[in-house]
Amino acid sequence: EQVGHIVAALSIAFQASPVEVIVQILTVG
């Protein structure tokens, strides 16, 4: 739930899809 909220917030902040945000988190941190 916490990760989902962070992904949603970052998707809005950076105008990126949730999938793009998840890929960034998994590859870059």
PDB file of all heavy atoms in Angstrom:
ATOM      1  N   GLU A   1       0.837  -1.207   0.000  1.00  0.00           N
ATOM      2  CA  GLU A   1       0.000   0.000   0.000  1.00  0.00           C
ATOM      3  C   GLU A   1       0.873   1.259   0.000  1.00  0.00           C
ATOM      4  O   GLU A   1       0.591   2.219  -0.730  1.00  0.00           O
ATOM      5  CB  GLU A   1      -0.922   0.008   1.212  1.00  0.00           C
ATOM      6  CG  GLU A   1      -1.768   1.261   1.320  1.00  0.00           C
ATOM      7  CD  GLU A   1      -2.552   1.346   2.614  1.00  0.00           C
ATOM      8  OE1 GLU A   1      -2.538   0.387   3.412  1.00  0.00           O
ATOM      9  OE2 GLU A   1      -3.179   2.391   2.831  1.00  0.00           O
ATOM     10  N   GLN A   2       1.926   1.262   0.807  1.00  0.00           N
ATOM     11  CA  GLN A   2       2.813   2.421   0.871  1.00  0.00           C
ATOM     12  C   GLN A   2       3.535   2.628  -0.458  1.00  0.00           C
ATOM     13  O   GLN A   2       3.632   3.756  -0.949  1.00  0.00           O
ATOM     14  CB  GLN A   2       3.811   2.252   2.017  1.00  0.00           C
ATOM     15  CG  GLN A   2       3.164   2.328   3.378  1.00  0.00           C
ATOM     16  CD  GLN A   2       4.072   1.851   4.503  1.00  0.00           C
ATOM     17  OE1 GLN A   2       4.982   1.054   4.291  1.00  0.00           O
ATOM     18  NE2 GLN A   2       3.822   2.350   5.707  1.00  0.00           N
ATOM     19  N   VAL A   3       4.031   1.548  -1.043  1.00  0.00           N
ATOM     20  CA  VAL A   3       4.711   1.655  -2.340  1.00  0.00           C
ATOM     21  C   VAL A   3       3.729   2.142  -3.398  1.00  0.00           C
ATOM     22  O   VAL A   3       4.063   3.005  -4.220  1.00  0.00           O
ATOM     23  CB  VAL A   3       5.361   0.311  -2.742  1.00  0.00           C
ATOM     24  CG1 VAL A   3       5.900   0.382  -4.165  1.00  0.00           C
ATOM     25  CG2 VAL A   3       6.468  -0.069  -1.768  1.00  0.00           C
ATOM     26  N   GLY A   4       2.511   1.626  -3.389  1.00  0.00           N
ATOM     27  CA  GLY A   4       1.498   2.060  -4.342  1.00  0.00           C
ATOM     28  C   GLY A   4       1.219   3.546  -4.237  1.00  0.00           C
ATOM     29  O   GLY A   4       1.092   4.252  -5.250  1.00  0.00           O
ATOM     30  N   HIS A   5       1.134   4.055  -3.011  1.00  0.00           N
ATOM     31  CA  HIS A   5       0.904   5.484  -2.810  1.00  0.00           C
ATOM     32  C   HIS A   5       2.084   6.290  -3.343  1.00  0.00           C
ATOM     33  O   HIS A   5       1.894   7.315  -4.014  1.00  0.00           O
ATOM     34  CB  HIS A   5       0.698   5.788  -1.320  1.00  0.00           C
ATOM     35  CG  HIS A   5       0.662   7.248  -1.030  1.00  0.00           C
ATOM     36  ND1 HIS A   5      -0.444   8.029  -1.271  1.00  0.00           N
ATOM     37  CD2 HIS A   5       1.616   8.080  -0.561  1.00  0.00           C
ATOM     38  CE1 HIS A   5      -0.166   9.276  -0.949  1.00  0.00           C
ATOM     39  NE2 HIS A   5       1.077   9.328  -0.506  1.00  0.00           N
ATOM     40  N   ILE A   6       3.303   5.846  -3.061  1.00  0.00           N
ATOM     41  CA  ILE A   6       4.497   6.554  -3.532  1.00  0.00           C
ATOM     42  C   ILE A   6       4.548   6.554  -5.054  1.00  0.00           C
ATOM     43  O   ILE A   6       4.818   7.582  -5.677  1.00  0.00           O
ATOM     44  CB  ILE A   6       5.767   5.938  -2.913  1.00  0.00           C
ATOM     45  CG1 ILE A   6       5.816   6.270  -1.416  1.00  0.00           C
ATOM     46  CG2 ILE A   6       7.023   6.416  -3.630  1.00  0.00           C
ATOM     47  CD1 ILE A   6       6.885   5.531  -0.650  1.00  0.00           C
ATOM     48  N   VAL A   7       4.253   5.417  -5.669  1.00  0.00           N
ATOM     49  CA  VAL A   7       4.252   5.332  -7.132  1.00  0.00           C
ATOM     50  C   VAL A   7       3.214   6.289  -7.717  1.00  0.00           C
ATOM     51  O   VAL A   7       3.499   7.024  -8.669  1.00  0.00           O
ATOM     52  CB  VAL A   7       4.003   3.879  -7.598  1.00  0.00           C
ATOM     53  CG1 VAL A   7       3.693   3.818  -9.086  1.00  0.00           C
ATOM     54  CG2 VAL A   7       5.218   3.013  -7.275  1.00  0.00           C
ATOM     55  N   ALA A   8       2.019   6.321  -7.140  1.00  0.00           N
ATOM     56  CA  ALA A   8       0.969   7.215  -7.637  1.00  0.00           C
ATOM     57  C   ALA A   8       1.390   8.680  -7.502  1.00  0.00           C
ATOM     58  O   ALA A   8       1.216   9.478  -8.433  1.00  0.00           O
ATOM     59  CB  ALA A   8      -0.338   6.956  -6.894  1.00  0.00           C
ATOM     60  N   ALA A   9       1.956   9.044  -6.351  1.00  0.00           N
ATOM     61  CA  ALA A   9       2.374  10.431  -6.125  1.00  0.00           C
ATOM     62  C   ALA A   9       3.500  10.833  -7.079  1.00  0.00           C
ATOM     63  O   ALA A   9       3.490  11.934  -7.641  1.00  0.00           O
ATOM     64  CB  ALA A   9       2.808  10.622  -4.674  1.00  0.00           C
ATOM     65  N   LEU A  10       4.467   9.946  -7.285  1.00  0.00           N
ATOM     66  CA  LEU A  10       5.575  10.255  -8.190  1.00  0.00           C
ATOM     67  C   LEU A  10       5.117  10.297  -9.651  1.00  0.00           C
ATOM     68  O   LEU A  10       5.631  11.085 -10.444  1.00  0.00           O
ATOM     69  CB  LEU A  10       6.709   9.251  -8.012  1.00  0.00           C
ATOM     70  CG  LEU A  10       7.438   9.318  -6.672  1.00  0.00           C
ATOM     71  CD1 LEU A  10       8.472   8.204  -6.564  1.00  0.00           C
ATOM     72  CD2 LEU A  10       8.089  10.676  -6.467  1.00  0.00           C
ATOM     73  N   SER A  11       4.148   9.472  -9.998  1.00  0.00           N
ATOM     74  CA  SER A  11       3.597   9.496 -11.356  1.00  0.00           C
ATOM     75  C   SER A  11       3.002  10.856 -11.670  1.00  0.00           C
ATOM     76  O   SER A  11       3.214  11.409 -12.753  1.00  0.00           O
ATOM     77  CB  SER A  11       2.514   8.420 -11.522  1.00  0.00           C
ATOM     78  OG  SER A  11       3.055   7.146 -11.421  1.00  0.00           O
ATOM     79  N   ILE A  12       2.286  11.409 -10.701  1.00  0.00           N
ATOM     80  CA  ILE A  12       1.690  12.737 -10.881  1.00  0.00           C
ATOM     81  C   ILE A  12       2.775  13.810 -10.904  1.00  0.00           C
ATOM     82  O   ILE A  12       2.798  14.671 -11.784  1.00  0.00           O
ATOM     83  CB  ILE A  12       0.658  13.015  -9.772  1.00  0.00           C
ATOM     84  CG1 ILE A  12      -0.538  12.083  -9.937  1.00  0.00           C
ATOM     85  CG2 ILE A  12       0.223  14.480  -9.769  1.00  0.00           C
ATOM     86  CD1 ILE A  12      -1.475  12.051  -8.745  1.00  0.00           C
ATOM     87  N   ALA A  13       3.692  13.747  -9.945  1.00  0.00           N
ATOM     88  CA  ALA A  13       4.727  14.776  -9.829  1.00  0.00           C
ATOM     89  C   ALA A  13       5.626  14.856 -11.061  1.00  0.00           C
ATOM     90  O   ALA A  13       6.018  15.945 -11.472  1.00  0.00           O
ATOM     91  CB  ALA A  13       5.568  14.527  -8.580  1.00  0.00           C
ATOM     92  N   PHE A  14       5.942  13.700 -11.648  1.00  0.00           N
ATOM     93  CA  PHE A  14       6.860  13.676 -12.787  1.00  0.00           C
ATOM     94  C   PHE A  14       6.158  13.417 -14.111  1.00  0.00           C
ATOM     95  O   PHE A  14       6.815  13.199 -15.130  1.00  0.00           O
ATOM     96  CB  PHE A  14       7.965  12.641 -12.553  1.00  0.00           C
ATOM     97  CG  PHE A  14       8.881  13.022 -11.427  1.00  0.00           C
ATOM     98  CD1 PHE A  14       8.770  12.418 -10.189  1.00  0.00           C
ATOM     99  CD2 PHE A  14       9.829  14.012 -11.597  1.00  0.00           C
ATOM    100  CE1 PHE A  14       9.606  12.778  -9.138  1.00  0.00           C
ATOM    101  CE2 PHE A  14      10.671  14.382 -10.562  1.00  0.00           C
ATOM    102  CZ  PHE A  14      10.556  13.766  -9.321  1.00  0.00           C
ATOM    103  N   GLN A  15       4.835  13.420 -14.102  1.00  0.00           N
ATOM    104  CA  GLN A  15       4.032  13.178 -15.307  1.00  0.00           C
ATOM    105  C   GLN A  15       4.514  11.944 -16.053  1.00  0.00           C
ATOM    106  O   GLN A  15       4.784  11.972 -17.247  1.00  0.00           O
ATOM    107  CB  GLN A  15       4.052  14.417 -16.207  1.00  0.00           C
ATOM    108  CG  GLN A  15       3.480  15.637 -15.532  1.00  0.00           C
ATOM    109  CD  GLN A  15       3.551  16.880 -16.390  1.00  0.00           C
ATOM    110  OE1 GLN A  15       4.121  16.873 -17.463  1.00  0.00           O
ATOM    111  NE2 GLN A  15       2.963  17.955 -15.906  1.00  0.00           N
ATOM    112  N   ALA A  16       4.615  10.853 -15.312  1.00  0.00           N
ATOM    113  CA  ALA A  16       5.068   9.574 -15.858  1.00  0.00           C
ATOM    114  C   ALA A  16       4.025   8.511 -15.532  1.00  0.00           C
ATOM    115  O   ALA A  16       3.258   8.658 -14.585  1.00  0.00           O
ATOM    116  CB  ALA A  16       6.413   9.194 -15.249  1.00  0.00           C
ATOM    117  N   SER A  17       4.016   7.462 -16.306  1.00  0.00           N
ATOM    118  CA  SER A  17       3.082   6.374 -16.020  1.00  0.00           C
ATOM    119  C   SER A  17       3.558   5.618 -14.781  1.00  0.00           C
ATOM    120  O   SER A  17       4.758   5.603 -14.471  1.00  0.00           O
ATOM    121  CB  SER A  17       2.996   5.415 -17.204  1.00  0.00           C
ATOM    122  OG  SER A  17       4.157   4.608 -17.273  1.00  0.00           O
ATOM    123  N   PRO A  18       2.629   4.978 -14.067  1.00  0.00           N
ATOM    124  CA  PRO A  18       3.045   4.169 -12.910  1.00  0.00           C
ATOM    125  C   PRO A  18       4.077   3.104 -13.282  1.00  0.00           C
ATOM    126  O   PRO A  18       4.995   2.836 -12.498  1.00  0.00           O
ATOM    127  CB  PRO A  18       1.738   3.552 -12.424  1.00  0.00           C
ATOM    128  CG  PRO A  18       0.689   4.517 -12.861  1.00  0.00           C
ATOM    129  CD  PRO A  18       1.178   5.054 -14.181  1.00  0.00           C
ATOM    130  N   VAL A  19       3.959   2.540 -14.466  1.00  0.00           N
ATOM    131  CA  VAL A  19       4.917   1.518 -14.894  1.00  0.00           C
ATOM    132  C   VAL A  19       6.312   2.122 -15.012  1.00  0.00           C
ATOM    133  O   VAL A  19       7.297   1.519 -14.578  1.00  0.00           O
ATOM    134  CB  VAL A  19       4.477   0.864 -16.224  1.00  0.00           C
ATOM    135  CG1 VAL A  19       5.562  -0.030 -16.790  1.00  0.00           C
ATOM    136  CG2 VAL A  19       3.188   0.083 -16.025  1.00  0.00           C
ATOM    137  N   GLU A  20       6.411   3.331 -15.590  1.00  0.00           N
ATOM    138  CA  GLU A  20       7.709   3.999 -15.706  1.00  0.00           C
ATOM    139  C   GLU A  20       8.320   4.257 -14.333  1.00  0.00           C
ATOM    140  O   GLU A  20       9.525   4.082 -14.130  1.00  0.00           O
ATOM    141  CB  GLU A  20       7.572   5.323 -16.458  1.00  0.00           C
ATOM    142  CG  GLU A  20       7.255   5.178 -17.929  1.00  0.00           C
ATOM    143  CD  GLU A  20       6.962   6.514 -18.571  1.00  0.00           C
ATOM    144  OE1 GLU A  20       6.005   7.194 -18.133  1.00  0.00           O
ATOM    145  OE2 GLU A  20       7.711   6.881 -19.508  1.00  0.00           O
ATOM    146  N   VAL A  21       7.487   4.676 -13.385  1.00  0.00           N
ATOM    147  CA  VAL A  21       7.976   4.953 -12.030  1.00  0.00           C
ATOM    148  C   VAL A  21       8.468   3.670 -11.376  1.00  0.00           C
ATOM    149  O   VAL A  21       9.548   3.647 -10.765  1.00  0.00           O
ATOM    150  CB  VAL A  21       6.877   5.619 -11.178  1.00  0.00           C
ATOM    151  CG1 VAL A  21       7.305   5.736  -9.725  1.00  0.00           C
ATOM    152  CG2 VAL A  21       6.521   6.987 -11.742  1.00  0.00           C
ATOM    153  N   ILE A  22       7.727   2.595 -11.505  1.00  0.00           N
ATOM    154  CA  ILE A  22       8.131   1.311 -10.920  1.00  0.00           C
ATOM    155  C   ILE A  22       9.452   0.839 -11.520  1.00  0.00           C
ATOM    156  O   ILE A  22      10.349   0.390 -10.800  1.00  0.00           O
ATOM    157  CB  ILE A  22       7.030   0.253 -11.093  1.00  0.00           C
ATOM    158  CG1 ILE A  22       5.824   0.619 -10.219  1.00  0.00           C
ATOM    159  CG2 ILE A  22       7.537  -1.145 -10.754  1.00  0.00           C
ATOM    160  CD1 ILE A  22       4.573  -0.182 -10.507  1.00  0.00           C
ATOM    161  N   VAL A  23       9.591   0.952 -12.838  1.00  0.00           N
ATOM    162  CA  VAL A  23      10.840   0.548 -13.497  1.00  0.00           C
ATOM    163  C   VAL A  23      12.007   1.369 -12.959  1.00  0.00           C
ATOM    164  O   VAL A  23      13.080   0.829 -12.654  1.00  0.00           O
ATOM    165  CB  VAL A  23      10.726   0.673 -15.029  1.00  0.00           C
ATOM    166  CG1 VAL A  23      12.086   0.555 -15.710  1.00  0.00           C
ATOM    167  CG2 VAL A  23       9.768  -0.377 -15.572  1.00  0.00           C
ATOM    168  N   GLN A  24      11.825   2.694 -12.800  1.00  0.00           N
ATOM    169  CA  GLN A  24      12.874   3.544 -12.246  1.00  0.00           C
ATOM    170  C   GLN A  24      13.243   3.121 -10.823  1.00  0.00           C
ATOM    171  O   GLN A  24      14.420   3.042 -10.471  1.00  0.00           O
ATOM    172  CB  GLN A  24      12.433   5.013 -12.240  1.00  0.00           C
ATOM    173  CG  GLN A  24      12.592   5.711 -13.560  1.00  0.00           C
ATOM    174  CD  GLN A  24      14.045   5.864 -13.935  1.00  0.00           C
ATOM    175  OE1 GLN A  24      14.511   5.240 -14.879  1.00  0.00           O
ATOM    176  NE2 GLN A  24      14.783   6.681 -13.222  1.00  0.00           N
ATOM    177  N   ILE A  25      12.239   2.866 -10.002  1.00  0.00           N
ATOM    178  CA  ILE A  25      12.495   2.456  -8.617  1.00  0.00           C
ATOM    179  C   ILE A  25      13.269   1.143  -8.582  1.00  0.00           C
ATOM    180  O   ILE A  25      14.211   0.991  -7.809  1.00  0.00           O
ATOM    181  CB  ILE A  25      11.182   2.352  -7.821  1.00  0.00           C
ATOM    182  CG1 ILE A  25      10.600   3.758  -7.583  1.00  0.00           C
ATOM    183  CG2 ILE A  25      11.398   1.629  -6.491  1.00  0.00           C
ATOM    184  CD1 ILE A  25       9.204   3.758  -6.986  1.00  0.00           C
ATOM    185  N   LEU A  26      12.887   0.207  -9.425  1.00  0.00           N
ATOM    186  CA  LEU A  26      13.547  -1.104  -9.424  1.00  0.00           C
ATOM    187  C   LEU A  26      14.954  -1.066 -10.017  1.00  0.00           C
ATOM    188  O   LEU A  26      15.811  -1.856  -9.625  1.00  0.00           O
ATOM    189  CB  LEU A  26      12.695  -2.124 -10.170  1.00  0.00           C
ATOM    190  CG  LEU A  26      11.364  -2.482  -9.504  1.00  0.00           C
ATOM    191  CD1 LEU A  26      10.563  -3.425 -10.389  1.00  0.00           C
ATOM    192  CD2 LEU A  26      11.576  -3.078  -8.129  1.00  0.00           C
ATOM    193  N   THR A  27      15.219  -0.150 -10.959  1.00  0.00           N
ATOM    194  CA  THR A  27      16.534  -0.117 -11.595  1.00  0.00           C
ATOM    195  C   THR A  27      17.480   0.892 -10.956  1.00  0.00           C
ATOM    196  O   THR A  27      18.668   0.618 -10.804  1.00  0.00           O
ATOM    197  CB  THR A  27      16.422   0.182 -13.107  1.00  0.00           C
ATOM    198  OG1 THR A  27      15.728   1.409 -13.294  1.00  0.00           O
ATOM    199  CG2 THR A  27      15.707  -0.931 -13.834  1.00  0.00           C
ATOM    200  N   VAL A  28      16.972   2.054 -10.578  1.00  0.00           N
ATOM    201  CA  VAL A  28      17.817   3.124 -10.042  1.00  0.00           C
ATOM    202  C   VAL A  28      17.687   3.229  -8.532  1.00  0.00           C
ATOM    203  O   VAL A  28      18.628   3.569  -7.829  1.00  0.00           O
ATOM    204  CB  VAL A  28      17.452   4.479 -10.698  1.00  0.00           C
ATOM    205  CG1 VAL A  28      18.268   5.617 -10.128  1.00  0.00           C
ATOM    206  CG2 VAL A  28      17.611   4.402 -12.201  1.00  0.00           C
ATOM    207  N   GLY A  29      16.504   2.955  -8.019  1.00  0.00           N
ATOM    208  CA  GLY A  29      16.221   3.129  -6.601  1.00  0.00           C
ATOM    209  C   GLY A  29      15.331   4.340  -6.398  1.00  0.00           C
ATOM    210  O   GLY A  29      14.918   5.002  -7.344  1.00  0.00           O
TER     211      GLY A  29
END
